[in-house]
Amino acid sequence: MATQATARHGISFLRFAIAVQTLTIFLQAVSAGLLLTASYGETLHSVGARVMYGASMLYVLAAILAWKPGGGSTRPIWQATGFLVLASVQVVLGIAHVPSVHLPLGVAMFGLSVLALSKR
């Protein structure tokens, strides 16, 4: 019984982490729009990038914690690690000012994050 309760808490934390990541990616799209219209858009997008990267790290941590107690599949860990890699690439492309790849990758990340959230 205790193992099931721990596993449920791990999964709920994992779902929370994915939801936070999804929200931060969405807010990055909003702040990208503000880049074009507001003087504070660049600052907001830059801060948002750091928060989104932290949310991706939280997702990895949550996936590891959800796996350990229940001894389940490592698939969520690999998915979370993939998101962290995509977030790293996204940050590098943003700093390098490569919008032709940065923007589509952001859209893909949002879609994948929504998909991951719907599966949890």
PDB file of N, CA and C in Angstrom:
ATOM      1  N   MET A   1       0.824  -1.187   0.000  1.00  0.00           N
ATOM      2  CA  MET A   1       0.000   0.000   0.000  1.00  0.00           C
ATOM      3  C   MET A   1       0.873   1.259   0.000  1.00  0.00           C
ATOM      4  N   ALA A   2       1.923   1.262   0.793  1.00  0.00           N
ATOM      5  CA  ALA A   2       2.794   2.434   0.860  1.00  0.00           C
ATOM      6  C   ALA A   2       3.490   2.670  -0.477  1.00  0.00           C
ATOM      7  N   THR A   3       3.828   1.583  -1.177  1.00  0.00           N
ATOM      8  CA  THR A   3       4.484   1.723  -2.467  1.00  0.00           C
ATOM      9  C   THR A   3       3.548   2.368  -3.480  1.00  0.00           C
ATOM     10  N   GLN A   4       2.269   1.994  -3.452  1.00  0.00           N
ATOM     11  CA  GLN A   4       1.313   2.593  -4.368  1.00  0.00           C
ATOM     12  C   GLN A   4       1.121   4.077  -4.091  1.00  0.00           C
ATOM     13  N   ALA A   5       1.071   4.450  -2.811  1.00  0.00           N
ATOM     14  CA  ALA A   5       0.917   5.864  -2.460  1.00  0.00           C
ATOM     15  C   ALA A   5       2.132   6.657  -2.905  1.00  0.00           C
ATOM     16  N   THR A   6       3.324   6.093  -2.713  1.00  0.00           N
ATOM     17  CA  THR A   6       4.545   6.770  -3.134  1.00  0.00           C
ATOM     18  C   THR A   6       4.574   6.905  -4.646  1.00  0.00           C
ATOM     19  N   ALA A   7       4.180   5.851  -5.350  1.00  0.00           N
ATOM     20  CA  ALA A   7       4.164   5.899  -6.811  1.00  0.00           C
ATOM     21  C   ALA A   7       3.160   6.940  -7.301  1.00  0.00           C
ATOM     22  N   ARG A   8       2.005   7.049  -6.661  1.00  0.00           N
ATOM     23  CA  ARG A   8       1.023   8.043  -7.059  1.00  0.00           C
ATOM     24  C   ARG A   8       1.550   9.451  -6.849  1.00  0.00           C
ATOM     25  N   HIS A   9       2.248   9.661  -5.723  1.00  0.00           N
ATOM     26  CA  HIS A   9       2.827  10.988  -5.478  1.00  0.00           C
ATOM     27  C   HIS A   9       3.906  11.298  -6.508  1.00  0.00           C
ATOM     28  N   GLY A  10       4.700  10.288  -6.866  1.00  0.00           N
ATOM     29  CA  GLY A  10       5.733  10.484  -7.877  1.00  0.00           C
ATOM     30  C   GLY A  10       5.134  10.853  -9.218  1.00  0.00           C
ATOM     31  N   ILE A  11       4.061  10.189  -9.589  1.00  0.00           N
ATOM     32  CA  ILE A  11       3.417  10.480 -10.868  1.00  0.00           C
ATOM     33  C   ILE A  11       2.753  11.851 -10.839  1.00  0.00           C
ATOM     34  N   SER A  12       2.149  12.219  -9.721  1.00  0.00           N
ATOM     35  CA  SER A  12       1.522  13.536  -9.656  1.00  0.00           C
ATOM     36  C   SER A  12       2.578  14.639  -9.712  1.00  0.00           C
ATOM     37  N   PHE A  13       3.731  14.418  -9.102  1.00  0.00           N
ATOM     38  CA  PHE A  13       4.816  15.391  -9.182  1.00  0.00           C
ATOM     39  C   PHE A  13       5.337  15.450 -10.618  1.00  0.00           C
ATOM     40  N   LEU A  14       5.395  14.295 -11.269  1.00  0.00           N
ATOM     41  CA  LEU A  14       5.835  14.257 -12.659  1.00  0.00           C
ATOM     42  C   LEU A  14       4.852  15.026 -13.536  1.00  0.00           C
ATOM     43  N   ARG A  15       3.581  14.816 -13.324  1.00  0.00           N
ATOM     44  CA  ARG A  15       2.551  15.547 -14.090  1.00  0.00           C
ATOM     45  C   ARG A  15       2.650  17.051 -13.820  1.00  0.00           C
ATOM     46  N   PHE A  16       2.888  17.418 -12.574  1.00  0.00           N
ATOM     47  CA  PHE A  16       3.067  18.826 -12.217  1.00  0.00           C
ATOM     48  C   PHE A  16       4.269  19.421 -12.958  1.00  0.00           C
ATOM     49  N   ALA A  17       5.378  18.681 -12.981  1.00  0.00           N
ATOM     50  CA  ALA A  17       6.593  19.175 -13.637  1.00  0.00           C
ATOM     51  C   ALA A  17       6.365  19.364 -15.134  1.00  0.00           C
ATOM     52  N   ILE A  18       5.648  18.428 -15.765  1.00  0.00           N
ATOM     53  CA  ILE A  18       5.359  18.557 -17.193  1.00  0.00           C
ATOM     54  C   ILE A  18       4.440  19.757 -17.432  1.00  0.00           C
ATOM     55  N   ALA A  19       3.470  19.948 -16.543  1.00  0.00           N
ATOM     56  CA  ALA A  19       2.553  21.094 -16.682  1.00  0.00           C
ATOM     57  C   ALA A  19       3.307  22.413 -16.549  1.00  0.00           C
ATOM     58  N   VAL A  20       4.238  22.488 -15.619  1.00  0.00           N
ATOM     59  CA  VAL A  20       5.042  23.705 -15.446  1.00  0.00           C
ATOM     60  C   VAL A  20       5.882  23.950 -16.701  1.00  0.00           C
ATOM     61  N   GLN A  21       6.478  22.887 -17.214  1.00  0.00           N
ATOM     62  CA  GLN A  21       7.278  23.025 -18.429  1.00  0.00           C
ATOM     63  C   GLN A  21       6.415  23.507 -19.590  1.00  0.00           C
ATOM     64  N   THR A  22       5.238  22.930 -19.751  1.00  0.00           N
ATOM     65  CA  THR A  22       4.333  23.323 -20.830  1.00  0.00           C
ATOM     66  C   THR A  22       3.943  24.791 -20.700  1.00  0.00           C
ATOM     67  N   LEU A  23       3.622  25.198 -19.489  1.00  0.00           N
ATOM     68  CA  LEU A  23       3.250  26.591 -19.247  1.00  0.00           C
ATOM     69  C   LEU A  23       4.402  27.543 -19.556  1.00  0.00           C
ATOM     70  N   THR A  24       5.608  27.186 -19.142  1.00  0.00           N
ATOM     71  CA  THR A  24       6.740  28.088 -19.399  1.00  0.00           C
ATOM     72  C   THR A  24       7.056  28.183 -20.888  1.00  0.00           C
ATOM     73  N   ILE A  25       6.887  27.082 -21.616  1.00  0.00           N
ATOM     74  CA  ILE A  25       7.112  27.138 -23.064  1.00  0.00           C
ATOM     75  C   ILE A  25       6.056  28.031 -23.718  1.00  0.00           C
ATOM     76  N   PHE A  26       4.803  27.916 -23.268  1.00  0.00           N
ATOM     77  CA  PHE A  26       3.744  28.781 -23.795  1.00  0.00           C
ATOM     78  C   PHE A  26       4.050  30.248 -23.499  1.00  0.00           C
ATOM     79  N   LEU A  27       4.499  30.536 -22.276  1.00  0.00           N
ATOM     80  CA  LEU A  27       4.825  31.916 -21.915  1.00  0.00           C
ATOM     81  C   LEU A  27       6.004  32.443 -22.732  1.00  0.00           C
ATOM     82  N   GLN A  28       6.884  31.550 -23.145  1.00  0.00           N
ATOM     83  CA  GLN A  28       7.984  31.968 -24.016  1.00  0.00           C
ATOM     84  C   GLN A  28       7.447  32.425 -25.375  1.00  0.00           C
ATOM     85  N   ALA A  29       6.421  31.757 -25.864  1.00  0.00           N
ATOM     86  CA  ALA A  29       5.810  32.185 -27.128  1.00  0.00           C
ATOM     87  C   ALA A  29       5.181  33.567 -26.973  1.00  0.00           C
ATOM     88  N   VAL A  30       4.538  33.794 -25.833  1.00  0.00           N
ATOM     89  CA  VAL A  30       3.935  35.109 -25.570  1.00  0.00           C
ATOM     90  C   VAL A  30       5.019  36.178 -25.490  1.00  0.00           C
ATOM     91  N   SER A  31       6.092  35.884 -24.767  1.00  0.00           N
ATOM     92  CA  SER A  31       7.160  36.878 -24.628  1.00  0.00           C
ATOM     93  C   SER A  31       7.896  37.085 -25.955  1.00  0.00           C
ATOM     94  N   ALA A  32       7.907  36.079 -26.819  1.00  0.00           N
ATOM     95  CA  ALA A  32       8.502  36.257 -28.145  1.00  0.00           C
ATOM     96  C   ALA A  32       7.685  37.278 -28.944  1.00  0.00           C
ATOM     97  N   GLY A  33       6.385  37.240 -28.785  1.00  0.00           N
ATOM     98  CA  GLY A  33       5.544  38.244 -29.421  1.00  0.00           C
ATOM     99  C   GLY A  33       5.814  39.633 -28.874  1.00  0.00           C
ATOM    100  N   LEU A  34       6.078  39.693 -27.581  1.00  0.00           N
ATOM    101  CA  LEU A  34       6.387  40.990 -26.965  1.00  0.00           C
ATOM    102  C   LEU A  34       7.730  41.546 -27.431  1.00  0.00           C
ATOM    103  N   LEU A  35       8.607  40.659 -27.901  1.00  0.00           N
ATOM    104  CA  LEU A  35       9.882  41.131 -28.464  1.00  0.00           C
ATOM    105  C   LEU A  35       9.635  42.129 -29.591  1.00  0.00           C
ATOM    106  N   LEU A  36       8.559  41.911 -30.327  1.00  0.00           N
ATOM    107  CA  LEU A  36       8.259  42.750 -31.490  1.00  0.00           C
ATOM    108  C   LEU A  36       7.533  44.039 -31.129  1.00  0.00           C
ATOM    109  N   THR A  37       6.880  44.055 -29.958  1.00  0.00           N
ATOM    110  CA  THR A  37       5.998  45.187 -29.665  1.00  0.00           C
ATOM    111  C   THR A  37       6.366  45.999 -28.428  1.00  0.00           C
ATOM    112  N   ALA A  38       7.133  45.443 -27.518  1.00  0.00           N
ATOM    113  CA  ALA A  38       7.398  46.145 -26.259  1.00  0.00           C
ATOM    114  C   ALA A  38       8.896  46.259 -25.998  1.00  0.00           C
ATOM    115  N   SER A  39       9.272  47.322 -25.332  1.00  0.00           N
ATOM    116  CA  SER A  39      10.685  47.541 -25.024  1.00  0.00           C
ATOM    117  C   SER A  39      11.216  46.519 -24.013  1.00  0.00           C
ATOM    118  N   TYR A  40      10.343  45.989 -23.166  1.00  0.00           N
ATOM    119  CA  TYR A  40      10.759  45.028 -22.147  1.00  0.00           C
ATOM    120  C   TYR A  40      10.656  43.577 -22.634  1.00  0.00           C
ATOM    121  N   GLY A  41      10.285  43.376 -23.897  1.00  0.00           N
ATOM    122  CA  GLY A  41      10.096  42.035 -24.441  1.00  0.00           C
ATOM    123  C   GLY A  41      11.350  41.183 -24.408  1.00  0.00           C
ATOM    124  N   GLU A  42      12.470  41.797 -24.743  1.00  0.00           N
ATOM    125  CA  GLU A  42      13.731  41.042 -24.760  1.00  0.00           C
ATOM    126  C   GLU A  42      14.112  40.573 -23.361  1.00  0.00           C
ATOM    127  N   THR A  43      13.954  41.433 -22.382  1.00  0.00           N
ATOM    128  CA  THR A  43      14.265  41.060 -21.000  1.00  0.00           C
ATOM    129  C   THR A  43      13.342  39.948 -20.525  1.00  0.00           C
ATOM    130  N   LEU A  44      12.070  40.082 -20.800  1.00  0.00           N
ATOM    131  CA  LEU A  44      11.091  39.072 -20.387  1.00  0.00           C
ATOM    132  C   LEU A  44      11.376  37.731 -21.052  1.00  0.00           C
ATOM    133  N   HIS A  45      11.732  37.748 -22.322  1.00  0.00           N
ATOM    134  CA  HIS A  45      12.029  36.509 -23.044  1.00  0.00           C
ATOM    135  C   HIS A  45      13.312  35.864 -22.504  1.00  0.00           C
ATOM    136  N   SER A  46      14.281  36.684 -22.169  1.00  0.00           N
ATOM    137  CA  SER A  46      15.541  36.179 -21.624  1.00  0.00           C
ATOM    138  C   SER A  46      15.330  35.529 -20.252  1.00  0.00           C
ATOM    139  N   VAL A  47      14.583  36.188 -19.395  1.00  0.00           N
ATOM    140  CA  VAL A  47      14.279  35.625 -18.075  1.00  0.00           C
ATOM    141  C   VAL A  47      13.440  34.357 -18.237  1.00  0.00           C
ATOM    142  N   GLY A  48      12.480  34.401 -19.155  1.00  0.00           N
ATOM    143  CA  GLY A  48      11.634  33.243 -19.406  1.00  0.00           C
ATOM    144  C   GLY A  48      12.428  32.041 -19.893  1.00  0.00           C
ATOM    145  N   ALA A  49      13.479  32.281 -20.663  1.00  0.00           N
ATOM    146  CA  ALA A  49      14.323  31.186 -21.143  1.00  0.00           C
ATOM    147  C   ALA A  49      14.984  30.464 -19.969  1.00  0.00           C
ATOM    148  N   ARG A  50      15.427  31.231 -18.994  1.00  0.00           N
ATOM    149  CA  ARG A  50      16.050  30.621 -17.813  1.00  0.00           C
ATOM    150  C   ARG A  50      15.027  29.811 -17.004  1.00  0.00           C
ATOM    151  N   VAL A  51      13.830  30.360 -16.881  1.00  0.00           N
ATOM    152  CA  VAL A  51      12.768  29.661 -16.145  1.00  0.00           C
ATOM    153  C   VAL A  51      12.370  28.383 -16.887  1.00  0.00           C
ATOM    154  N   MET A  52      12.247  28.469 -18.213  1.00  0.00           N
ATOM    155  CA  MET A  52      11.902  27.285 -19.011  1.00  0.00           C
ATOM    156  C   MET A  52      12.978  26.214 -18.891  1.00  0.00           C
ATOM    157  N   TYR A  53      14.237  26.621 -18.882  1.00  0.00           N
ATOM    158  CA  TYR A  53      15.330  25.667 -18.747  1.00  0.00           C
ATOM    159  C   TYR A  53      15.278  25.001 -17.364  1.00  0.00           C
ATOM    160  N   GLY A  54      14.985  25.801 -16.344  1.00  0.00           N
ATOM    161  CA  GLY A  54      14.822  25.244 -15.000  1.00  0.00           C
ATOM    162  C   GLY A  54      13.649  24.282 -14.932  1.00  0.00           C
ATOM    163  N   ALA A  55      12.559  24.593 -15.634  1.00  0.00           N
ATOM    164  CA  ALA A  55      11.400  23.700 -15.666  1.00  0.00           C
ATOM    165  C   ALA A  55      11.761  22.382 -16.346  1.00  0.00           C
ATOM    166  N   SER A  56      12.613  22.436 -17.358  1.00  0.00           N
ATOM    167  CA  SER A  56      13.060  21.204 -18.017  1.00  0.00           C
ATOM    168  C   SER A  56      13.917  20.363 -17.077  1.00  0.00           C
ATOM    169  N   MET A  57      14.731  21.022 -16.265  1.00  0.00           N
ATOM    170  CA  MET A  57      15.530  20.292 -15.274  1.00  0.00           C
ATOM    171  C   MET A  57      14.629  19.694 -14.194  1.00  0.00           C
ATOM    172  N   LEU A  58      13.588  20.425 -13.808  1.00  0.00           N
ATOM    173  CA  LEU A  58      12.622  19.910 -12.834  1.00  0.00           C
ATOM    174  C   LEU A  58      11.929  18.669 -13.383  1.00  0.00           C
ATOM    175  N   TYR A  59      11.622  18.667 -14.665  1.00  0.00           N
ATOM    176  CA  TYR A  59      10.996  17.520 -15.321  1.00  0.00           C
ATOM    177  C   TYR A  59      11.908  16.291 -15.225  1.00  0.00           C
ATOM    178  N   VAL A  60      13.199  16.471 -15.463  1.00  0.00           N
ATOM    179  CA  VAL A  60      14.149  15.353 -15.338  1.00  0.00           C
ATOM    180  C   VAL A  60      14.163  14.829 -13.908  1.00  0.00           C
ATOM    181  N   LEU A  61      14.232  15.734 -12.948  1.00  0.00           N
ATOM    182  CA  LEU A  61      14.233  15.332 -11.545  1.00  0.00           C
ATOM    183  C   LEU A  61      12.954  14.581 -11.185  1.00  0.00           C
ATOM    184  N   ALA A  62      11.818  15.098 -11.620  1.00  0.00           N
ATOM    185  CA  ALA A  62      10.533  14.446 -11.325  1.00  0.00           C
ATOM    186  C   ALA A  62      10.463  13.068 -11.965  1.00  0.00           C
ATOM    187  N   ALA A  63      10.982  12.925 -13.174  1.00  0.00           N
ATOM    188  CA  ALA A  63      10.973  11.618 -13.845  1.00  0.00           C
ATOM    189  C   ALA A  63      11.838  10.617 -13.093  1.00  0.00           C
ATOM    190  N   ILE A  64      12.973  11.065 -12.592  1.00  0.00           N
ATOM    191  CA  ILE A  64      13.840  10.178 -11.813  1.00  0.00           C
ATOM    192  C   ILE A  64      13.166   9.781 -10.513  1.00  0.00           C
ATOM    193  N   LEU A  65      12.556  10.736  -9.837  1.00  0.00           N
ATOM    194  CA  LEU A  65      11.876  10.435  -8.571  1.00  0.00           C
ATOM    195  C   LEU A  65      10.659   9.533  -8.778  1.00  0.00           C
ATOM    196  N   ALA A  66       9.970   9.690  -9.878  1.00  0.00           N
ATOM    197  CA  ALA A  66       8.813   8.841 -10.161  1.00  0.00           C
ATOM    198  C   ALA A  66       9.250   7.419 -10.484  1.00  0.00           C
ATOM    199  N   TRP A  67      10.424   7.276 -11.059  1.00  0.00           N
ATOM    200  CA  TRP A  67      10.919   5.947 -11.425  1.00  0.00           C
ATOM    201  C   TRP A  67      11.432   5.197 -10.218  1.00  0.00           C
ATOM    202  N   LYS A  68      12.228   5.824  -9.405  1.00  0.00           N
ATOM    203  CA  LYS A  68      12.885   5.148  -8.287  1.00  0.00           C
ATOM    204  C   LYS A  68      11.919   4.436  -7.337  1.00  0.00           C
ATOM    205  N   PRO A  69      10.919   5.122  -6.780  1.00  0.00           N
ATOM    206  CA  PRO A  69      10.065   4.444  -5.801  1.00  0.00           C
ATOM    207  C   PRO A  69       9.281   3.267  -6.376  1.00  0.00           C
ATOM    208  N   GLY A  70       8.783   3.410  -7.573  1.00  0.00           N
ATOM    209  CA  GLY A  70       7.949   2.359  -8.145  1.00  0.00           C
ATOM    210  C   GLY A  70       8.733   1.320  -8.925  1.00  0.00           C
ATOM    211  N   GLY A  71       9.966   1.632  -9.285  1.00  0.00           N
ATOM    212  CA  GLY A  71      10.764   0.712 -10.073  1.00  0.00           C
ATOM    213  C   GLY A  71      10.193   0.479 -11.458  1.00  0.00           C
ATOM    214  N   GLY A  72       9.503   1.467 -11.993  1.00  0.00           N
ATOM    215  CA  GLY A  72       8.835   1.332 -13.287  1.00  0.00           C
ATOM    216  C   GLY A  72       9.761   1.564 -14.459  1.00  0.00           C
ATOM    217  N   SER A  73       9.164   1.891 -15.573  1.00  0.00           N
ATOM    218  CA  SER A  73       9.881   2.113 -16.818  1.00  0.00           C
ATOM    219  C   SER A  73      10.766   3.359 -16.740  1.00  0.00           C
ATOM    220  N   THR A  74      11.859   3.312 -17.473  1.00  0.00           N
ATOM    221  CA  THR A  74      12.750   4.477 -17.541  1.00  0.00           C
ATOM    222  C   THR A  74      12.362   5.404 -18.694  1.00  0.00           C
ATOM    223  N   ARG A  75      11.294   5.084 -19.407  1.00  0.00           N
ATOM    224  CA  ARG A  75      10.867   5.906 -20.539  1.00  0.00           C
ATOM    225  C   ARG A  75      10.668   7.376 -20.160  1.00  0.00           C
ATOM    226  N   PRO A  76       9.992   7.717 -19.039  1.00  0.00           N
ATOM    227  CA  PRO A  76       9.847   9.141 -18.689  1.00  0.00           C
ATOM    228  C   PRO A  76      11.184   9.848 -18.469  1.00  0.00           C
ATOM    229  N   ILE A  77      12.171   9.114 -17.976  1.00  0.00           N
ATOM    230  CA  ILE A  77      13.500   9.723 -17.773  1.00  0.00           C
ATOM    231  C   ILE A  77      14.110  10.077 -19.121  1.00  0.00           C
ATOM    232  N   TRP A  78      14.000   9.184 -20.084  1.00  0.00           N
ATOM    233  CA  TRP A  78      14.543   9.461 -21.413  1.00  0.00           C
ATOM    234  C   TRP A  78      13.800  10.601 -22.089  1.00  0.00           C
ATOM    235  N   GLN A  79      12.483  10.636 -21.916  1.00  0.00           N
ATOM    236  CA  GLN A  79      11.706  11.732 -22.496  1.00  0.00           C
ATOM    237  C   GLN A  79      12.093  13.065 -21.861  1.00  0.00           C
ATOM    238  N   ALA A  80      12.225  13.083 -20.549  1.00  0.00           N
ATOM    239  CA  ALA A  80      12.604  14.315 -19.854  1.00  0.00           C
ATOM    240  C   ALA A  80      14.006  14.760 -20.263  1.00  0.00           C
ATOM    241  N   THR A  81      14.902  13.805 -20.406  1.00  0.00           N
ATOM    242  CA  THR A  81      16.265  14.132 -20.832  1.00  0.00           C
ATOM    243  C   THR A  81      16.252  14.690 -22.253  1.00  0.00           C
ATOM    244  N   GLY A  82      15.401  14.126 -23.102  1.00  0.00           N
ATOM    245  CA  GLY A  82      15.258  14.654 -24.466  1.00  0.00           C
ATOM    246  C   GLY A  82      14.776  16.096 -24.462  1.00  0.00           C
ATOM    247  N   PHE A  83      13.819  16.406 -23.573  1.00  0.00           N
ATOM    248  CA  PHE A  83      13.346  17.789 -23.468  1.00  0.00           C
ATOM    249  C   PHE A  83      14.464  18.707 -22.987  1.00  0.00           C
ATOM    250  N   LEU A  84      15.280  18.230 -22.060  1.00  0.00           N
ATOM    251  CA  LEU A  84      16.386  19.056 -21.575  1.00  0.00           C
ATOM    252  C   LEU A  84      17.389  19.318 -22.701  1.00  0.00           C
ATOM    253  N   VAL A  85      17.632  18.316 -23.532  1.00  0.00           N
ATOM    254  CA  VAL A  85      18.524  18.503 -24.688  1.00  0.00           C
ATOM    255  C   VAL A  85      17.916  19.514 -25.658  1.00  0.00           C
ATOM    256  N   LEU A  86      16.609  19.366 -25.932  1.00  0.00           N
ATOM    257  CA  LEU A  86      15.943  20.328 -26.822  1.00  0.00           C
ATOM    258  C   LEU A  86      15.982  21.743 -26.238  1.00  0.00           C
ATOM    259  N   ALA A  87      15.794  21.851 -24.927  1.00  0.00           N
ATOM    260  CA  ALA A  87      15.862  23.163 -24.278  1.00  0.00           C
ATOM    261  C   ALA A  87      17.258  23.757 -24.405  1.00  0.00           C
ATOM    262  N   SER A  88      18.274  22.920 -24.284  1.00  0.00           N
ATOM    263  CA  SER A  88      19.659  23.390 -24.431  1.00  0.00           C
ATOM    264  C   SER A  88      19.911  23.900 -25.841  1.00  0.00           C
ATOM    265  N   VAL A  89      19.445  23.136 -26.826  1.00  0.00           N
ATOM    266  CA  VAL A  89      19.591  23.559 -28.221  1.00  0.00           C
ATOM    267  C   VAL A  89      18.827  24.862 -28.455  1.00  0.00           C
ATOM    268  N   GLN A  90      17.645  24.949 -27.869  1.00  0.00           N
ATOM    269  CA  GLN A  90      16.809  26.143 -28.022  1.00  0.00           C
ATOM    270  C   GLN A  90      17.524  27.384 -27.463  1.00  0.00           C
ATOM    271  N   VAL A  91      18.137  27.244 -26.309  1.00  0.00           N
ATOM    272  CA  VAL A  91      18.854  28.367 -25.699  1.00  0.00           C
ATOM    273  C   VAL A  91      20.034  28.787 -26.585  1.00  0.00           C
ATOM    274  N   VAL A  92      20.785  27.816 -27.065  1.00  0.00           N
ATOM    275  CA  VAL A  92      21.937  28.120 -27.918  1.00  0.00           C
ATOM    276  C   VAL A  92      21.475  28.824 -29.198  1.00  0.00           C
ATOM    277  N   LEU A  93      20.403  28.331 -29.799  1.00  0.00           N
ATOM    278  CA  LEU A  93      19.898  28.961 -31.028  1.00  0.00           C
ATOM    279  C   LEU A  93      19.363  30.368 -30.767  1.00  0.00           C
ATOM    280  N   GLY A  94      18.767  30.572 -29.604  1.00  0.00           N
ATOM    281  CA  GLY A  94      18.281  31.902 -29.252  1.00  0.00           C
ATOM    282  C   GLY A  94      19.414  32.888 -29.062  1.00  0.00           C
ATOM    283  N   ILE A  95      20.442  32.447 -28.368  1.00  0.00           N
ATOM    284  CA  ILE A  95      21.612  33.315 -28.142  1.00  0.00           C
ATOM    285  C   ILE A  95      22.305  33.631 -29.470  1.00  0.00           C
ATOM    286  N   ALA A  96      22.344  32.625 -30.364  1.00  0.00           N
ATOM    287  CA  ALA A  96      22.995  32.815 -31.667  1.00  0.00           C
ATOM    288  C   ALA A  96      22.110  33.568 -32.660  1.00  0.00           C
ATOM    289  N   HIS A  97      20.877  33.913 -32.258  1.00  0.00           N
ATOM    290  CA  HIS A  97      19.934  34.630 -33.123  1.00  0.00           C
ATOM    291  C   HIS A  97      19.697  33.879 -34.441  1.00  0.00           C
ATOM    292  N   VAL A  98      19.234  32.626 -34.310  1.00  0.00           N
ATOM    293  CA  VAL A  98      18.896  31.804 -35.465  1.00  0.00           C
ATOM    294  C   VAL A  98      17.387  31.521 -35.415  1.00  0.00           C
ATOM    295  N   PRO A  99      16.561  32.546 -35.720  1.00  0.00           N
ATOM    296  CA  PRO A  99      15.115  32.365 -35.576  1.00  0.00           C
ATOM    297  C   PRO A  99      14.515  31.339 -36.534  1.00  0.00           C
ATOM    298  N   SER A 100      15.191  31.063 -37.649  1.00  0.00           N
ATOM    299  CA  SER A 100      14.650  30.108 -38.621  1.00  0.00           C
ATOM    300  C   SER A 100      14.578  28.692 -38.054  1.00  0.00           C
ATOM    301  N   VAL A 101      15.362  28.403 -37.038  1.00  0.00           N
ATOM    302  CA  VAL A 101      15.310  27.098 -36.371  1.00  0.00           C
ATOM    303  C   VAL A 101      14.733  27.250 -34.957  1.00  0.00           C
ATOM    304  N   HIS A 102      15.042  28.367 -34.317  1.00  0.00           N
ATOM    305  CA  HIS A 102      14.614  28.623 -32.945  1.00  0.00           C
ATOM    306  C   HIS A 102      13.087  28.611 -32.813  1.00  0.00           C
ATOM    307  N   LEU A 103      12.399  29.293 -33.703  1.00  0.00           N
ATOM    308  CA  LEU A 103      10.933  29.374 -33.631  1.00  0.00           C
ATOM    309  C   LEU A 103      10.250  28.038 -33.901  1.00  0.00           C
ATOM    310  N   PRO A 104      10.579  27.326 -34.983  1.00  0.00           N
ATOM    311  CA  PRO A 104       9.927  26.030 -35.197  1.00  0.00           C
ATOM    312  C   PRO A 104      10.235  25.018 -34.096  1.00  0.00           C
ATOM    313  N   LEU A 105      11.447  25.071 -33.570  1.00  0.00           N
ATOM    314  CA  LEU A 105      11.793  24.159 -32.475  1.00  0.00           C
ATOM    315  C   LEU A 105      10.967  24.478 -31.232  1.00  0.00           C
ATOM    316  N   GLY A 106      10.733  25.752 -30.977  1.00  0.00           N
ATOM    317  CA  GLY A 106       9.880  26.139 -29.851  1.00  0.00           C
ATOM    318  C   GLY A 106       8.459  25.631 -30.008  1.00  0.00           C
ATOM    319  N   VAL A 107       7.929  25.723 -31.222  1.00  0.00           N
ATOM    320  CA  VAL A 107       6.584  25.215 -31.494  1.00  0.00           C
ATOM    321  C   VAL A 107       6.549  23.698 -31.304  1.00  0.00           C
ATOM    322  N   ALA A 108       7.561  23.017 -31.799  1.00  0.00           N
ATOM    323  CA  ALA A 108       7.635  21.561 -31.641  1.00  0.00           C
ATOM    324  C   ALA A 108       7.744  21.176 -30.162  1.00  0.00           C
ATOM    325  N   MET A 109       8.537  21.923 -29.417  1.00  0.00           N
ATOM    326  CA  MET A 109       8.675  21.632 -27.985  1.00  0.00           C
ATOM    327  C   MET A 109       7.348  21.811 -27.262  1.00  0.00           C
ATOM    328  N   PHE A 110       6.612  22.847 -27.618  1.00  0.00           N
ATOM    329  CA  PHE A 110       5.312  23.057 -26.986  1.00  0.00           C
ATOM    330  C   PHE A 110       4.372  21.897 -27.313  1.00  0.00           C
ATOM    331  N   GLY A 111       4.336  21.504 -28.570  1.00  0.00           N
ATOM    332  CA  GLY A 111       3.485  20.385 -28.964  1.00  0.00           C
ATOM    333  C   GLY A 111       3.863  19.092 -28.264  1.00  0.00           C
ATOM    334  N   LEU A 112       5.149  18.811 -28.190  1.00  0.00           N
ATOM    335  CA  LEU A 112       5.614  17.597 -27.509  1.00  0.00           C
ATOM    336  C   LEU A 112       5.311  17.648 -26.013  1.00  0.00           C
ATOM    337  N   SER A 113       5.426  18.823 -25.436  1.00  0.00           N
ATOM    338  CA  SER A 113       5.150  18.966 -24.010  1.00  0.00           C
ATOM    339  C   SER A 113       3.661  18.766 -23.717  1.00  0.00           C
ATOM    340  N   VAL A 114       2.800  19.305 -24.574  1.00  0.00           N
ATOM    341  CA  VAL A 114       1.353  19.082 -24.421  1.00  0.00           C
ATOM    342  C   VAL A 114       1.044  17.595 -24.582  1.00  0.00           C
ATOM    343  N   LEU A 115       1.681  16.953 -25.534  1.00  0.00           N
ATOM    344  CA  LEU A 115       1.491  15.518 -25.736  1.00  0.00           C
ATOM    345  C   LEU A 115       1.935  14.723 -24.519  1.00  0.00           C
ATOM    346  N   ALA A 116       3.086  15.065 -23.970  1.00  0.00           N
ATOM    347  CA  ALA A 116       3.566  14.379 -22.751  1.00  0.00           C
ATOM    348  C   ALA A 116       2.610  14.603 -21.594  1.00  0.00           C
ATOM    349  N   LEU A 117       2.071  15.799 -21.477  1.00  0.00           N
ATOM    350  CA  LEU A 117       1.128  16.101 -20.408  1.00  0.00           C
ATOM    351  C   LEU A 117      -0.165  15.310 -20.585  1.00  0.00           C
ATOM    352  N   SER A 118      -0.613  15.159 -21.801  1.00  0.00           N
ATOM    353  CA  SER A 118      -1.867  14.431 -22.034  1.00  0.00           C
ATOM    354  C   SER A 118      -1.715  12.938 -21.773  1.00  0.00           C
ATOM    355  N   LYS A 119      -0.494  12.418 -21.827  1.00  0.00           N
ATOM    356  CA  LYS A 119      -0.264  10.996 -21.591  1.00  0.00           C
ATOM    357  C   LYS A 119      -0.075  10.678 -20.111  1.00  0.00           C
ATOM    358  N   ARG A 120       0.082  11.664 -19.261  1.00  0.00           N
ATOM    359  CA  ARG A 120       0.291  11.427 -17.829  1.00  0.00           C
ATOM    360  C   ARG A 120      -0.978  11.515 -17.096  1.00  0.00           C
TER     361      ARG A 120
END
